Amino acid sequence: MKSIILKSEQLNLPVKLAKKLKGKEIKLVETKEGILIKPVEDPISAARGCLQRSHFSTQVYLQYKKEEKELER
């Protein structure tokens, strides 16, 4: 099946659907039943917050980098 990616503003959509998809890229996927409209997932947005409860912080990262530099000497 073929698919294409468009900006949601390039299509004439019903108002309710247009508001929901405003500013997003959408993928039109051809299926046996017809055309499926899917928003394209942004991997950066999807990853946001994944380290929130992992005890990993900027300070821990900087400490790792400092230890790495000391080992390289």
C-alpha atoms as a PDB file:
ATOM      1  CA  MET A   1       0.000   0.000   0.000  1.00  0.00           C
ATOM      2  CA  LYS A   2       1.192   3.524  -0.787  1.00  0.00           C
ATOM      3  CA  SER A   3       1.402   6.451   1.603  1.00  0.00           C
ATOM      4  CA  ILE A   4       2.168  10.163   1.255  1.00  0.00           C
ATOM      5  CA  ILE A   5       2.951  12.816   3.854  1.00  0.00           C
ATOM      6  CA  LEU A   6       1.283  16.257   3.780  1.00  0.00           C
ATOM      7  CA  LYS A   7       0.800  19.225   6.056  1.00  0.00           C
ATOM      8  CA  SER A   8      -2.732  19.161   7.465  1.00  0.00           C
ATOM      9  CA  GLU A   9      -3.331  22.666   6.051  1.00  0.00           C
ATOM     10  CA  GLN A  10      -2.964  21.303   2.512  1.00  0.00           C
ATOM     11  CA  LEU A  11      -6.268  19.438   2.766  1.00  0.00           C
ATOM     12  CA  ASN A  12      -9.830  20.633   3.072  1.00  0.00           C
ATOM     13  CA  LEU A  13     -10.900  18.813   6.250  1.00  0.00           C
ATOM     14  CA  PRO A  14     -13.949  19.167   8.503  1.00  0.00           C
ATOM     15  CA  VAL A  15     -13.466  21.925  11.109  1.00  0.00           C
ATOM     16  CA  LYS A  16     -13.286  19.568  14.108  1.00  0.00           C
ATOM     17  CA  LEU A  17     -10.652  17.386  12.456  1.00  0.00           C
ATOM     18  CA  ALA A  18      -8.717  20.385  11.087  1.00  0.00           C
ATOM     19  CA  LYS A  19      -8.438  21.912  14.589  1.00  0.00           C
ATOM     20  CA  LYS A  20      -7.180  18.610  16.006  1.00  0.00           C
ATOM     21  CA  LEU A  21      -4.515  18.239  13.300  1.00  0.00           C
ATOM     22  CA  LYS A  22      -3.545  21.915  12.941  1.00  0.00           C
ATOM     23  CA  GLY A  23       0.185  22.342  12.329  1.00  0.00           C
ATOM     24  CA  LYS A  24       0.886  18.606  12.207  1.00  0.00           C
ATOM     25  CA  GLU A  25       2.101  16.488   9.353  1.00  0.00           C
ATOM     26  CA  ILE A  26      -0.305  13.750   8.344  1.00  0.00           C
ATOM     27  CA  LYS A  27       0.156  10.571   6.409  1.00  0.00           C
ATOM     28  CA  LEU A  28      -2.457   9.378   3.922  1.00  0.00           C
ATOM     29  CA  VAL A  29      -2.319   5.601   3.724  1.00  0.00           C
ATOM     30  CA  GLU A  30      -4.167   3.665   1.041  1.00  0.00           C
ATOM     31  CA  THR A  31      -5.877   0.567   2.461  1.00  0.00           C
ATOM     32  CA  LYS A  32      -8.333  -1.974   1.069  1.00  0.00           C
ATOM     33  CA  GLU A  33     -11.174  -0.127   2.786  1.00  0.00           C
ATOM     34  CA  GLY A  34     -10.185   3.374   1.604  1.00  0.00           C
ATOM     35  CA  ILE A  35      -7.864   6.175   2.698  1.00  0.00           C
ATOM     36  CA  LEU A  36      -6.575   6.325   6.290  1.00  0.00           C
ATOM     37  CA  ILE A  37      -5.461   9.693   7.702  1.00  0.00           C
ATOM     38  CA  LYS A  38      -2.754   9.296  10.380  1.00  0.00           C
ATOM     39  CA  PRO A  39      -0.680  11.980  12.130  1.00  0.00           C
ATOM     40  CA  VAL A  40       3.064  11.483  11.626  1.00  0.00           C
ATOM     41  CA  GLU A  41       4.759  10.780  14.945  1.00  0.00           C
ATOM     42  CA  ASP A  42       7.600  13.126  15.842  1.00  0.00           C
ATOM     43  CA  PRO A  43      10.319  11.013  17.516  1.00  0.00           C
ATOM     44  CA  ILE A  44      11.602  13.971  19.542  1.00  0.00           C
ATOM     45  CA  SER A  45       8.169  14.690  21.024  1.00  0.00           C
ATOM     46  CA  ALA A  46       7.587  10.997  21.645  1.00  0.00           C
ATOM     47  CA  ALA A  47      10.851  10.738  23.611  1.00  0.00           C
ATOM     48  CA  ARG A  48      10.095  13.759  25.812  1.00  0.00           C
ATOM     49  CA  GLY A  49       9.970  12.765  29.472  1.00  0.00           C
ATOM     50  CA  CYS A  50      11.327   9.232  29.024  1.00  0.00           C
ATOM     51  CA  LEU A  51      14.170   9.883  31.508  1.00  0.00           C
ATOM     52  CA  GLN A  52      11.999  11.720  33.999  1.00  0.00           C
ATOM     53  CA  ARG A  53      12.139   9.115  36.795  1.00  0.00           C
ATOM     54  CA  SER A  54      15.418   7.417  35.882  1.00  0.00           C
ATOM     55  CA  HIS A  55      17.682   9.289  38.359  1.00  0.00           C
ATOM     56  CA  PHE A  56      19.652  10.575  35.364  1.00  0.00           C
ATOM     57  CA  SER A  57      20.382  14.280  35.499  1.00  0.00           C
ATOM     58  CA  THR A  58      22.693  16.854  33.987  1.00  0.00           C
ATOM     59  CA  GLN A  59      24.910  16.652  37.070  1.00  0.00           C
ATOM     60  CA  VAL A  60      25.230  12.864  36.745  1.00  0.00           C
ATOM     61  CA  TYR A  61      26.018  13.216  33.026  1.00  0.00           C
ATOM     62  CA  LEU A  62      28.702  15.838  33.687  1.00  0.00           C
ATOM     63  CA  GLN A  63      30.228  13.610  36.364  1.00  0.00           C
ATOM     64  CA  TYR A  64      30.405  10.705  33.877  1.00  0.00           C
ATOM     65  CA  LYS A  65      32.084  12.946  31.310  1.00  0.00           C
ATOM     66  CA  LYS A  66      34.593  14.191  33.895  1.00  0.00           C
ATOM     67  CA  GLU A  67      35.469  10.606  34.874  1.00  0.00           C
ATOM     68  CA  GLU A  68      35.817   9.673  31.182  1.00  0.00           C
ATOM     69  CA  LYS A  69      38.292  12.498  30.580  1.00  0.00           C
ATOM     70  CA  GLU A  70      40.344  11.474  33.607  1.00  0.00           C
ATOM     71  CA  LEU A  71      40.536   7.871  32.307  1.00  0.00           C
ATOM     72  CA  GLU A  72      41.740   9.080  28.905  1.00  0.00           C
ATOM     73  CA  ARG A  73      44.796  10.785  30.447  1.00  0.00           C
END
